[in-house]
């Protein structure tokens, strides 16, 4: 590297250095991002050039506006291809469960009993909502986890309503869905906050 810098200087080719963290800058990004990258020209004796590498955790990754726009566009395409269909499937599955399976779950003190499948279903919903909602992303709105949980609860309420119309609903089914829904909202909100705190710590 030192030999290359010397050769560049010999032919009066400017050499630049940057303190920016460019770990996300790909080769194809340099054509548009290079002009926006904060850098300073190397001047012998004025700013000594330290050749090599070092790792610092307190330097935020540098991303140009064009790179950010491309990354967001790629996220939207991925959401449309995968996350949104899966989220729709989660809602449909919860509706079906509320019609065909939840009415048979034992109820105790206004909530689904401990020996029912409610806990497994709720935890499964939490995992799927976190994945489809991509709660770890910086641009995800603060109310996303609440909105996702409300959609799932609404699907379960719709299923319970259908079960009631066909005479398949057990006493206390709606109350139990409300209790389980509050648990879903609480877990989702806690995980969302954890993702936000972790992003704040590691940025």
N, C-alpha and C. Protein backbone atom coordinates (compact mmCIF):
# COMPACT_ATOMS: atom_id res chain seq x y z
N UNK A 1 0.82 -1.20 0.00
CA UNK A 1 0.00 0.00 0.00
C UNK A 1 0.86 1.26 0.00
N UNK A 2 1.90 1.26 0.81
CA UNK A 2 2.79 2.42 0.86
C UNK A 2 3.42 2.68 -0.51
N UNK A 3 3.78 1.60 -1.20
CA UNK A 3 4.39 1.73 -2.53
C UNK A 3 3.40 2.36 -3.51
N UNK A 4 2.15 1.96 -3.43
CA UNK A 4 1.14 2.53 -4.33
C UNK A 4 0.95 4.02 -4.05
N UNK A 5 0.88 4.40 -2.77
CA UNK A 5 0.71 5.82 -2.43
C UNK A 5 1.90 6.63 -2.93
N UNK A 6 3.08 6.11 -2.76
CA UNK A 6 4.28 6.80 -3.25
C UNK A 6 4.23 6.97 -4.76
N UNK A 7 3.82 5.93 -5.45
CA UNK A 7 3.74 5.99 -6.91
C UNK A 7 2.69 7.01 -7.35
N UNK A 8 1.56 7.04 -6.67
CA UNK A 8 0.52 8.02 -7.00
C UNK A 8 1.05 9.45 -6.84
N UNK A 9 1.73 9.68 -5.72
CA UNK A 9 2.25 11.02 -5.46
C UNK A 9 3.31 11.41 -6.48
N UNK A 10 4.09 10.43 -6.93
CA UNK A 10 5.14 10.69 -7.92
C UNK A 10 4.54 11.21 -9.22
N UNK A 11 3.37 10.69 -9.57
CA UNK A 11 2.71 11.10 -10.81
C UNK A 11 1.64 12.17 -10.55
N UNK A 12 1.71 12.80 -9.39
CA UNK A 12 0.80 13.90 -9.02
C UNK A 12 -0.66 13.48 -9.08
N UNK A 13 -0.93 12.25 -8.70
CA UNK A 13 -2.30 11.76 -8.58
C UNK A 13 -2.73 11.97 -7.13
N UNK A 14 -3.80 12.71 -6.89
CA UNK A 14 -4.20 13.00 -5.51
C UNK A 14 -4.61 11.74 -4.75
N UNK A 15 -4.25 11.70 -3.49
CA UNK A 15 -4.59 10.59 -2.60
C UNK A 15 -5.47 11.15 -1.49
N UNK A 16 -6.59 10.48 -1.27
CA UNK A 16 -7.54 10.95 -0.26
C UNK A 16 -7.68 9.93 0.86
N UNK A 17 -8.00 10.43 2.03
CA UNK A 17 -8.27 9.57 3.17
C UNK A 17 -9.60 9.97 3.79
N UNK A 18 -10.23 9.05 4.49
CA UNK A 18 -11.51 9.34 5.13
C UNK A 18 -11.59 8.65 6.49
N UNK A 19 -12.27 9.28 7.41
CA UNK A 19 -12.51 8.69 8.72
C UNK A 19 -13.88 7.99 8.77
N UNK A 20 -14.60 8.05 7.64
CA UNK A 20 -15.95 7.47 7.61
C UNK A 20 -15.89 5.95 7.62
N UNK A 21 -16.89 5.35 8.19
CA UNK A 21 -17.03 3.89 8.22
C UNK A 21 -17.75 3.48 6.93
N UNK A 22 -17.01 2.94 5.98
CA UNK A 22 -17.57 2.66 4.65
C UNK A 22 -17.84 1.17 4.45
N UNK A 23 -18.16 0.47 5.52
CA UNK A 23 -18.33 -0.98 5.41
C UNK A 23 -19.53 -1.36 4.54
N UNK A 24 -20.53 -0.46 4.38
CA UNK A 24 -21.70 -0.77 3.57
C UNK A 24 -21.57 -0.26 2.14
N UNK A 25 -20.47 0.42 1.83
CA UNK A 25 -20.29 0.97 0.49
C UNK A 25 -19.73 -0.13 -0.42
N UNK A 26 -20.53 -0.53 -1.40
CA UNK A 26 -20.10 -1.56 -2.34
C UNK A 26 -19.40 -0.91 -3.54
N UNK A 27 -18.74 -1.74 -4.33
CA UNK A 27 -18.01 -1.23 -5.49
C UNK A 27 -18.94 -0.45 -6.41
N UNK A 28 -20.15 -0.98 -6.64
CA UNK A 28 -21.07 -0.32 -7.56
C UNK A 28 -21.61 1.00 -7.00
N UNK A 29 -21.41 1.25 -5.70
CA UNK A 29 -21.91 2.49 -5.10
C UNK A 29 -20.94 3.65 -5.27
N UNK A 30 -19.68 3.36 -5.51
CA UNK A 30 -18.67 4.42 -5.49
C UNK A 30 -18.87 5.45 -6.60
N UNK A 31 -19.44 5.05 -7.72
CA UNK A 31 -19.62 5.99 -8.82
C UNK A 31 -20.50 7.17 -8.42
N UNK A 32 -21.54 6.90 -7.61
CA UNK A 32 -22.43 7.97 -7.18
C UNK A 32 -22.10 8.45 -5.77
N UNK A 33 -21.53 7.60 -4.94
CA UNK A 33 -21.32 7.96 -3.54
C UNK A 33 -19.97 8.64 -3.29
N UNK A 34 -19.03 8.48 -4.21
CA UNK A 34 -17.68 8.97 -3.94
C UNK A 34 -17.65 10.49 -3.74
N UNK A 35 -18.41 11.22 -4.55
CA UNK A 35 -18.39 12.68 -4.44
C UNK A 35 -18.96 13.16 -3.11
N UNK A 36 -19.88 12.36 -2.51
CA UNK A 36 -20.51 12.74 -1.26
C UNK A 36 -19.75 12.24 -0.04
N UNK A 37 -18.79 11.36 -0.26
CA UNK A 37 -18.05 10.78 0.85
C UNK A 37 -17.14 11.84 1.50
N UNK A 38 -17.24 12.05 2.81
CA UNK A 38 -16.35 13.02 3.46
C UNK A 38 -14.90 12.53 3.43
N UNK A 39 -14.01 13.34 2.87
CA UNK A 39 -12.62 12.92 2.69
C UNK A 39 -11.72 14.13 2.66
N UNK A 40 -10.45 13.92 2.83
CA UNK A 40 -9.46 15.00 2.79
C UNK A 40 -8.26 14.53 1.99
N UNK A 41 -7.71 15.44 1.19
CA UNK A 41 -6.54 15.08 0.38
C UNK A 41 -5.30 15.00 1.26
N UNK A 42 -4.51 14.00 0.98
CA UNK A 42 -3.28 13.78 1.75
C UNK A 42 -2.22 14.81 1.34
N UNK A 43 -1.70 15.50 2.35
CA UNK A 43 -0.63 16.46 2.11
C UNK A 43 0.55 16.08 3.01
N UNK A 44 1.66 15.73 2.43
CA UNK A 44 2.81 15.30 3.24
C UNK A 44 3.18 16.35 4.28
N UNK A 45 3.33 15.91 5.52
CA UNK A 45 3.71 16.79 6.61
C UNK A 45 2.55 17.47 7.29
N UNK A 46 1.40 17.57 6.59
CA UNK A 46 0.25 18.25 7.19
C UNK A 46 -0.67 17.27 7.90
N UNK A 47 -1.03 16.19 7.21
CA UNK A 47 -1.89 15.17 7.82
C UNK A 47 -1.27 13.80 7.52
N UNK A 48 -0.43 13.30 8.41
CA UNK A 48 0.25 12.02 8.18
C UNK A 48 -0.74 10.92 7.82
N UNK A 49 -0.39 10.14 6.83
CA UNK A 49 -1.26 9.07 6.36
C UNK A 49 -0.95 7.79 7.12
N UNK A 50 -1.94 7.28 7.83
CA UNK A 50 -1.77 6.03 8.58
C UNK A 50 -2.34 4.90 7.73
N UNK A 51 -1.47 4.10 7.20
CA UNK A 51 -1.90 3.01 6.33
C UNK A 51 -2.10 1.75 7.16
N UNK A 52 -3.23 1.11 6.94
CA UNK A 52 -3.54 -0.10 7.68
C UNK A 52 -5.02 -0.14 7.99
N UNK A 53 -5.40 -0.85 9.02
CA UNK A 53 -6.81 -0.94 9.40
C UNK A 53 -6.92 -1.01 10.91
N UNK A 54 -8.03 -0.54 11.40
CA UNK A 54 -8.31 -0.63 12.82
C UNK A 54 -9.82 -0.70 13.00
N UNK A 55 -10.23 -1.25 14.09
CA UNK A 55 -11.66 -1.44 14.36
C UNK A 55 -12.08 -0.56 15.51
N UNK A 56 -13.13 0.24 15.25
CA UNK A 56 -13.71 1.08 16.30
C UNK A 56 -15.22 0.90 16.25
N UNK A 57 -15.81 0.66 17.40
CA UNK A 57 -17.24 0.42 17.47
C UNK A 57 -18.06 1.70 17.53
N UNK A 58 -17.40 2.84 17.72
CA UNK A 58 -18.15 4.08 17.92
C UNK A 58 -18.27 4.91 16.64
N UNK A 59 -17.92 4.35 15.49
CA UNK A 59 -18.05 5.07 14.22
C UNK A 59 -19.29 4.57 13.48
N UNK A 60 -20.32 5.40 13.33
CA UNK A 60 -21.52 4.97 12.61
C UNK A 60 -21.20 4.68 11.15
N UNK A 61 -21.89 3.73 10.58
CA UNK A 61 -21.69 3.40 9.17
C UNK A 61 -22.16 4.56 8.30
N UNK A 62 -21.34 4.92 7.31
CA UNK A 62 -21.69 6.02 6.41
C UNK A 62 -22.46 5.47 5.22
N UNK A 63 -23.60 6.12 4.92
CA UNK A 63 -24.44 5.71 3.79
C UNK A 63 -24.86 6.97 3.05
N UNK A 64 -24.66 6.99 1.75
CA UNK A 64 -25.05 8.16 0.96
C UNK A 64 -26.56 8.16 0.76
N UNK A 65 -27.16 9.31 0.44
CA UNK A 65 -28.61 9.36 0.19
C UNK A 65 -29.04 8.40 -0.91
N UNK A 66 -28.23 8.27 -1.96
CA UNK A 66 -28.58 7.35 -3.04
C UNK A 66 -28.54 5.91 -2.56
N UNK A 67 -27.54 5.56 -1.76
CA UNK A 67 -27.47 4.21 -1.20
C UNK A 67 -28.66 3.93 -0.31
N UNK A 68 -29.03 4.91 0.53
CA UNK A 68 -30.17 4.75 1.43
C UNK A 68 -31.45 4.51 0.64
N UNK A 69 -31.63 5.27 -0.44
CA UNK A 69 -32.83 5.11 -1.27
C UNK A 69 -32.87 3.72 -1.90
N UNK A 70 -31.72 3.23 -2.36
CA UNK A 70 -31.66 1.90 -2.97
C UNK A 70 -31.96 0.81 -1.93
N UNK A 71 -31.42 0.96 -0.73
CA UNK A 71 -31.65 -0.03 0.32
C UNK A 71 -33.13 -0.06 0.71
N UNK A 72 -33.75 1.11 0.82
CA UNK A 72 -35.16 1.16 1.16
C UNK A 72 -36.03 0.56 0.06
N UNK A 73 -35.65 0.81 -1.21
CA UNK A 73 -36.39 0.23 -2.33
C UNK A 73 -36.29 -1.29 -2.33
N UNK A 74 -35.10 -1.81 -1.99
CA UNK A 74 -34.91 -3.26 -1.92
C UNK A 74 -35.73 -3.85 -0.78
N UNK A 75 -35.79 -3.15 0.36
CA UNK A 75 -36.60 -3.62 1.48
C UNK A 75 -38.07 -3.68 1.09
N UNK A 76 -38.56 -2.68 0.36
CA UNK A 76 -39.96 -2.66 -0.05
C UNK A 76 -40.27 -3.82 -0.99
N UNK A 77 -39.35 -4.10 -1.93
CA UNK A 77 -39.55 -5.22 -2.84
C UNK A 77 -39.58 -6.54 -2.08
N UNK A 78 -38.69 -6.68 -1.09
CA UNK A 78 -38.67 -7.90 -0.29
C UNK A 78 -39.95 -8.02 0.54
N UNK A 79 -40.42 -6.92 1.06
CA UNK A 79 -41.67 -6.94 1.83
C UNK A 79 -42.84 -7.41 0.97
N UNK A 80 -42.91 -6.88 -0.26
CA UNK A 80 -44.00 -7.23 -1.14
C UNK A 80 -43.95 -8.69 -1.57
N UNK A 81 -42.75 -9.20 -1.76
CA UNK A 81 -42.60 -10.59 -2.21
C UNK A 81 -42.80 -11.60 -1.10
N UNK A 82 -42.37 -11.28 0.12
CA UNK A 82 -42.33 -12.27 1.19
C UNK A 82 -43.13 -11.87 2.42
N UNK A 83 -42.75 -10.75 3.05
CA UNK A 83 -43.30 -10.42 4.36
C UNK A 83 -44.81 -10.16 4.33
N UNK A 84 -45.29 -9.41 3.36
CA UNK A 84 -46.72 -9.11 3.33
C UNK A 84 -47.58 -10.34 3.10
N UNK A 85 -47.21 -11.23 2.14
CA UNK A 85 -48.00 -12.46 2.00
C UNK A 85 -47.99 -13.33 3.26
N UNK A 86 -46.84 -13.39 3.94
CA UNK A 86 -46.77 -14.19 5.17
C UNK A 86 -47.64 -13.57 6.25
N UNK A 87 -47.63 -12.23 6.36
CA UNK A 87 -48.46 -11.56 7.36
C UNK A 87 -49.94 -11.81 7.08
N UNK A 88 -50.34 -11.75 5.81
CA UNK A 88 -51.72 -12.06 5.45
C UNK A 88 -52.06 -13.50 5.83
N UNK A 89 -51.09 -14.41 5.61
CA UNK A 89 -51.31 -15.80 6.00
C UNK A 89 -51.48 -15.96 7.50
N UNK A 90 -50.73 -15.18 8.28
CA UNK A 90 -50.87 -15.23 9.74
C UNK A 90 -52.29 -14.84 10.15
N UNK A 91 -52.82 -13.78 9.55
CA UNK A 91 -54.17 -13.33 9.88
C UNK A 91 -55.21 -14.39 9.50
N UNK A 92 -55.06 -14.98 8.32
CA UNK A 92 -56.01 -16.00 7.86
C UNK A 92 -55.96 -17.23 8.76
N UNK A 93 -54.76 -17.66 9.13
CA UNK A 93 -54.61 -18.84 9.99
C UNK A 93 -55.25 -18.58 11.36
N UNK A 94 -55.07 -17.39 11.91
CA UNK A 94 -55.69 -17.08 13.20
C UNK A 94 -57.21 -17.06 13.11
N UNK A 95 -57.74 -16.58 11.99
CA UNK A 95 -59.19 -16.62 11.81
C UNK A 95 -59.69 -18.06 11.81
N UNK A 96 -58.99 -18.92 11.07
CA UNK A 96 -59.39 -20.33 10.99
C UNK A 96 -59.28 -21.00 12.36
N UNK A 97 -58.21 -20.70 13.09
CA UNK A 97 -58.05 -21.28 14.43
C UNK A 97 -59.20 -20.87 15.35
N UNK A 98 -59.61 -19.60 15.25
CA UNK A 98 -60.69 -19.12 16.11
C UNK A 98 -62.02 -19.77 15.77
N UNK A 99 -62.17 -20.19 14.51
CA UNK A 99 -63.41 -20.86 14.11
C UNK A 99 -63.40 -22.34 14.50
N UNK A 100 -62.29 -23.00 14.20
CA UNK A 100 -62.28 -24.47 14.28
C UNK A 100 -61.61 -25.06 15.51
N UNK A 101 -60.71 -24.32 16.16
CA UNK A 101 -59.93 -24.95 17.24
C UNK A 101 -60.10 -24.25 18.59
N UNK A 102 -60.03 -22.93 18.60
CA UNK A 102 -60.11 -22.21 19.87
C UNK A 102 -61.37 -22.52 20.69
N UNK A 103 -62.54 -22.73 20.04
CA UNK A 103 -63.73 -23.05 20.85
C UNK A 103 -63.60 -24.31 21.70
N UNK A 104 -62.66 -25.18 21.34
CA UNK A 104 -62.48 -26.42 22.11
C UNK A 104 -61.45 -26.28 23.22
N UNK A 105 -60.77 -25.13 23.30
CA UNK A 105 -59.78 -24.95 24.35
C UNK A 105 -60.44 -24.74 25.70
N UNK A 106 -59.90 -25.37 26.74
CA UNK A 106 -60.48 -25.17 28.09
C UNK A 106 -60.27 -23.74 28.57
N UNK A 107 -61.26 -23.21 29.29
CA UNK A 107 -61.21 -21.84 29.80
C UNK A 107 -61.30 -21.88 31.32
N UNK A 108 -60.45 -21.06 31.95
CA UNK A 108 -60.42 -21.00 33.40
C UNK A 108 -60.27 -19.55 33.85
N UNK A 109 -61.17 -19.08 34.68
CA UNK A 109 -61.13 -17.71 35.22
C UNK A 109 -61.08 -16.66 34.11
N UNK A 110 -61.88 -16.84 33.10
CA UNK A 110 -61.99 -15.84 32.04
C UNK A 110 -60.86 -15.82 31.05
N UNK A 111 -60.01 -16.84 31.05
CA UNK A 111 -58.89 -16.90 30.10
C UNK A 111 -58.66 -18.36 29.70
N UNK A 112 -57.96 -18.55 28.63
CA UNK A 112 -57.65 -19.91 28.22
C UNK A 112 -56.80 -20.58 29.29
N UNK A 113 -57.10 -21.82 29.59
CA UNK A 113 -56.40 -22.55 30.64
C UNK A 113 -54.95 -22.81 30.25
N UNK A 114 -54.13 -23.08 31.26
CA UNK A 114 -52.71 -23.32 31.02
C UNK A 114 -52.46 -24.56 30.16
N UNK A 115 -53.38 -25.52 30.20
CA UNK A 115 -53.18 -26.74 29.42
C UNK A 115 -53.73 -26.63 28.00
N UNK A 116 -54.13 -25.43 27.60
CA UNK A 116 -54.58 -25.21 26.22
C UNK A 116 -53.39 -24.86 25.35
N UNK A 117 -53.66 -24.71 24.06
CA UNK A 117 -52.59 -24.38 23.12
C UNK A 117 -52.41 -22.88 22.95
N UNK A 118 -53.05 -22.09 23.82
CA UNK A 118 -53.02 -20.63 23.65
C UNK A 118 -51.61 -20.06 23.72
N UNK A 119 -50.81 -20.54 24.67
CA UNK A 119 -49.45 -20.01 24.82
C UNK A 119 -48.61 -20.28 23.58
N UNK A 120 -48.68 -21.48 23.05
CA UNK A 120 -47.92 -21.84 21.85
C UNK A 120 -48.36 -21.00 20.66
N UNK A 121 -49.66 -20.80 20.52
CA UNK A 121 -50.18 -20.00 19.40
C UNK A 121 -49.73 -18.55 19.54
N UNK A 122 -49.80 -18.02 20.76
CA UNK A 122 -49.39 -16.62 20.97
C UNK A 122 -47.91 -16.43 20.69
N UNK A 123 -47.08 -17.32 21.18
CA UNK A 123 -45.64 -17.21 20.92
C UNK A 123 -45.33 -17.36 19.43
N UNK A 124 -46.04 -18.26 18.77
CA UNK A 124 -45.87 -18.39 17.33
C UNK A 124 -46.25 -17.12 16.60
N UNK A 125 -47.35 -16.49 17.04
CA UNK A 125 -47.75 -15.21 16.44
C UNK A 125 -46.70 -14.14 16.68
N UNK A 126 -46.13 -14.12 17.87
CA UNK A 126 -45.10 -13.11 18.19
C UNK A 126 -43.92 -13.25 17.24
N UNK A 127 -43.43 -14.47 17.07
CA UNK A 127 -42.28 -14.71 16.20
C UNK A 127 -42.59 -14.28 14.76
N UNK A 128 -43.75 -14.65 14.27
CA UNK A 128 -44.12 -14.32 12.89
C UNK A 128 -44.32 -12.82 12.71
N UNK A 129 -44.88 -12.15 13.71
CA UNK A 129 -45.08 -10.70 13.60
C UNK A 129 -43.75 -9.96 13.61
N UNK A 130 -42.82 -10.43 14.44
CA UNK A 130 -41.49 -9.79 14.48
C UNK A 130 -40.80 -9.94 13.13
N UNK A 131 -40.90 -11.13 12.53
CA UNK A 131 -40.24 -11.38 11.24
C UNK A 131 -40.90 -10.60 10.11
N UNK A 132 -42.23 -10.66 10.03
CA UNK A 132 -42.92 -9.98 8.93
C UNK A 132 -42.91 -8.46 9.11
N UNK A 133 -42.88 -8.00 10.36
CA UNK A 133 -42.83 -6.57 10.61
C UNK A 133 -41.44 -5.99 10.60
N UNK A 134 -40.43 -6.88 10.60
CA UNK A 134 -39.01 -6.44 10.59
C UNK A 134 -38.79 -5.36 11.64
N UNK A 135 -39.12 -5.67 12.90
CA UNK A 135 -39.05 -4.67 13.97
C UNK A 135 -37.65 -4.13 14.22
N UNK A 136 -36.65 -4.82 13.70
CA UNK A 136 -35.26 -4.38 13.92
C UNK A 136 -34.87 -3.24 12.99
N UNK A 137 -35.67 -2.95 11.99
CA UNK A 137 -35.32 -1.88 11.06
C UNK A 137 -35.50 -0.51 11.73
N UNK A 138 -34.64 0.40 11.34
CA UNK A 138 -34.66 1.73 11.94
C UNK A 138 -35.91 2.52 11.55
N UNK A 139 -36.38 2.34 10.32
CA UNK A 139 -37.48 3.17 9.84
C UNK A 139 -38.86 2.63 10.19
N UNK A 140 -38.93 1.51 10.91
CA UNK A 140 -40.22 0.97 11.30
C UNK A 140 -40.87 1.90 12.33
N UNK A 141 -42.15 2.23 12.11
CA UNK A 141 -42.86 3.15 12.99
C UNK A 141 -43.06 2.56 14.38
N UNK A 142 -43.17 3.44 15.37
CA UNK A 142 -43.27 2.99 16.76
C UNK A 142 -44.54 2.21 17.02
N UNK A 143 -45.59 2.44 16.24
CA UNK A 143 -46.87 1.78 16.47
C UNK A 143 -47.03 0.49 15.67
N UNK A 144 -45.98 0.08 14.96
CA UNK A 144 -46.10 -1.09 14.08
C UNK A 144 -46.47 -2.36 14.84
N UNK A 145 -45.82 -2.61 15.97
CA UNK A 145 -46.12 -3.84 16.72
C UNK A 145 -47.56 -3.84 17.22
N UNK A 146 -48.05 -2.67 17.65
CA UNK A 146 -49.44 -2.57 18.12
C UNK A 146 -50.40 -2.84 16.97
N UNK A 147 -50.14 -2.25 15.81
CA UNK A 147 -51.01 -2.43 14.65
C UNK A 147 -51.05 -3.89 14.21
N UNK A 148 -49.89 -4.53 14.16
CA UNK A 148 -49.84 -5.94 13.77
C UNK A 148 -50.65 -6.82 14.74
N UNK A 149 -50.49 -6.55 16.03
CA UNK A 149 -51.20 -7.33 17.04
C UNK A 149 -52.71 -7.12 16.92
N UNK A 150 -53.13 -5.89 16.66
CA UNK A 150 -54.56 -5.60 16.52
C UNK A 150 -55.15 -6.35 15.33
N UNK A 151 -54.40 -6.46 14.23
CA UNK A 151 -54.88 -7.20 13.07
C UNK A 151 -55.10 -8.67 13.42
N UNK A 152 -54.15 -9.26 14.15
CA UNK A 152 -54.28 -10.66 14.55
C UNK A 152 -55.47 -10.85 15.48
N UNK A 153 -55.62 -9.94 16.45
CA UNK A 153 -56.75 -10.03 17.38
C UNK A 153 -58.07 -9.88 16.63
N UNK A 154 -58.12 -8.95 15.67
CA UNK A 154 -59.34 -8.76 14.88
C UNK A 154 -59.68 -10.02 14.10
N UNK A 155 -58.66 -10.69 13.56
CA UNK A 155 -58.89 -11.95 12.84
C UNK A 155 -59.46 -13.01 13.77
N UNK A 156 -58.93 -13.06 14.99
CA UNK A 156 -59.45 -14.03 15.96
C UNK A 156 -60.88 -13.68 16.36
N UNK A 157 -61.18 -12.40 16.52
CA UNK A 157 -62.54 -11.98 16.84
C UNK A 157 -63.50 -12.34 15.70
N UNK A 158 -63.05 -12.14 14.46
CA UNK A 158 -63.89 -12.50 13.33
C UNK A 158 -64.16 -14.00 13.32
N UNK A 159 -63.13 -14.78 13.60
CA UNK A 159 -63.32 -16.22 13.66
C UNK A 159 -64.26 -16.62 14.78
N UNK A 160 -64.12 -15.97 15.94
CA UNK A 160 -65.01 -16.26 17.06
C UNK A 160 -66.45 -15.89 16.72
N UNK A 161 -66.61 -14.78 15.95
CA UNK A 161 -67.96 -14.39 15.52
C UNK A 161 -68.58 -15.43 14.61
N UNK A 162 -67.77 -15.98 13.69
CA UNK A 162 -68.27 -17.04 12.81
C UNK A 162 -68.63 -18.28 13.62
N UNK A 163 -67.77 -18.60 14.59
CA UNK A 163 -68.04 -19.77 15.45
C UNK A 163 -69.33 -19.58 16.22
N UNK A 164 -69.61 -18.36 16.64
CA UNK A 164 -70.85 -18.08 17.36
C UNK A 164 -72.06 -18.26 16.45
N UNK A 165 -71.95 -17.79 15.21
CA UNK A 165 -73.06 -17.90 14.27
C UNK A 165 -73.39 -19.36 13.94
N UNK A 166 -72.39 -20.20 13.89
CA UNK A 166 -72.65 -21.61 13.57
C UNK A 166 -72.86 -22.45 14.82
N UNK A 167 -72.89 -21.79 15.98
CA UNK A 167 -73.15 -22.49 17.23
C UNK A 167 -72.00 -23.29 17.76
N UNK A 168 -70.78 -22.88 17.40
CA UNK A 168 -69.59 -23.64 17.82
C UNK A 168 -68.79 -22.93 18.90
N UNK A 169 -69.22 -21.73 19.31
CA UNK A 169 -68.46 -20.94 20.27
C UNK A 169 -68.74 -21.39 21.69
N UNK A 170 -67.69 -21.48 22.48
CA UNK A 170 -67.83 -21.82 23.89
C UNK A 170 -68.04 -20.57 24.71
N UNK A 171 -68.62 -20.72 25.89
CA UNK A 171 -68.83 -19.57 26.78
C UNK A 171 -67.48 -18.99 27.21
N UNK A 172 -67.38 -17.68 27.12
CA UNK A 172 -66.13 -17.03 27.54
C UNK A 172 -65.06 -16.99 26.47
N UNK A 173 -65.38 -17.38 25.23
CA UNK A 173 -64.38 -17.41 24.17
C UNK A 173 -63.86 -16.01 23.86
N UNK A 174 -64.76 -15.04 23.71
CA UNK A 174 -64.34 -13.69 23.37
C UNK A 174 -63.49 -13.07 24.48
N UNK A 175 -63.89 -13.29 25.72
CA UNK A 175 -63.10 -12.75 26.84
C UNK A 175 -61.70 -13.36 26.85
N UNK A 176 -61.62 -14.63 26.57
CA UNK A 176 -60.32 -15.30 26.55
C UNK A 176 -59.44 -14.78 25.43
N UNK A 177 -60.05 -14.49 24.28
CA UNK A 177 -59.29 -13.92 23.16
C UNK A 177 -58.76 -12.54 23.52
N UNK A 178 -59.55 -11.75 24.26
CA UNK A 178 -59.10 -10.43 24.69
C UNK A 178 -57.88 -10.55 25.60
N UNK A 179 -57.94 -11.47 26.56
CA UNK A 179 -56.82 -11.66 27.49
C UNK A 179 -55.57 -12.09 26.74
N UNK A 180 -55.73 -13.04 25.83
CA UNK A 180 -54.58 -13.52 25.07
C UNK A 180 -54.07 -12.43 24.13
N UNK A 181 -54.99 -11.60 23.63
CA UNK A 181 -54.59 -10.50 22.77
C UNK A 181 -53.76 -9.47 23.51
N UNK A 182 -54.14 -9.18 24.75
CA UNK A 182 -53.35 -8.24 25.55
C UNK A 182 -51.94 -8.76 25.79
N UNK A 183 -51.84 -10.08 25.97
CA UNK A 183 -50.51 -10.69 26.14
C UNK A 183 -49.69 -10.54 24.86
N UNK A 184 -50.34 -10.73 23.71
CA UNK A 184 -49.66 -10.57 22.43
C UNK A 184 -49.18 -9.14 22.24
N UNK A 185 -50.03 -8.18 22.57
CA UNK A 185 -49.66 -6.76 22.46
C UNK A 185 -48.47 -6.45 23.37
N UNK A 186 -48.52 -6.95 24.60
CA UNK A 186 -47.46 -6.67 25.56
C UNK A 186 -46.12 -7.23 25.13
N UNK A 187 -46.10 -8.49 24.70
CA UNK A 187 -44.83 -9.12 24.29
C UNK A 187 -44.28 -8.42 23.05
N UNK A 188 -45.17 -8.12 22.10
CA UNK A 188 -44.72 -7.44 20.88
C UNK A 188 -44.12 -6.08 21.18
N UNK A 189 -44.76 -5.33 22.08
CA UNK A 189 -44.25 -4.00 22.43
C UNK A 189 -42.90 -4.08 23.12
N UNK A 190 -42.75 -5.04 24.02
CA UNK A 190 -41.48 -5.20 24.74
C UNK A 190 -40.35 -5.55 23.76
N UNK A 191 -40.61 -6.47 22.84
CA UNK A 191 -39.59 -6.84 21.87
C UNK A 191 -39.24 -5.66 20.96
N UNK A 192 -40.25 -4.88 20.58
CA UNK A 192 -39.99 -3.71 19.74
C UNK A 192 -39.07 -2.73 20.45
N UNK A 193 -39.34 -2.49 21.75
CA UNK A 193 -38.50 -1.58 22.53
C UNK A 193 -37.08 -2.13 22.66
N UNK A 194 -36.97 -3.44 22.86
CA UNK A 194 -35.64 -4.07 22.98
C UNK A 194 -34.84 -3.85 21.69
N UNK A 195 -35.47 -4.05 20.53
CA UNK A 195 -34.78 -3.83 19.26
C UNK A 195 -34.32 -2.38 19.14
N UNK A 196 -35.17 -1.43 19.58
CA UNK A 196 -34.80 -0.02 19.50
C UNK A 196 -33.61 0.29 20.42
N UNK A 197 -33.63 -0.26 21.63
CA UNK A 197 -32.54 -0.02 22.57
C UNK A 197 -31.23 -0.60 22.05
N UNK A 198 -31.30 -1.81 21.49
CA UNK A 198 -30.09 -2.45 20.96
C UNK A 198 -29.53 -1.63 19.80
N UNK A 199 -30.41 -1.14 18.91
CA UNK A 199 -29.94 -0.30 17.80
C UNK A 199 -29.27 0.96 18.32
N UNK A 200 -29.83 1.55 19.38
CA UNK A 200 -29.25 2.76 19.94
C UNK A 200 -27.88 2.50 20.58
N UNK A 201 -27.72 1.32 21.17
CA UNK A 201 -26.47 0.99 21.84
C UNK A 201 -25.36 0.71 20.82
N UNK A 202 -25.69 -0.02 19.75
CA UNK A 202 -24.64 -0.47 18.82
C UNK A 202 -24.40 0.49 17.66
N UNK A 203 -25.22 1.53 17.52
CA UNK A 203 -25.04 2.41 16.36
C UNK A 203 -23.74 3.23 16.50
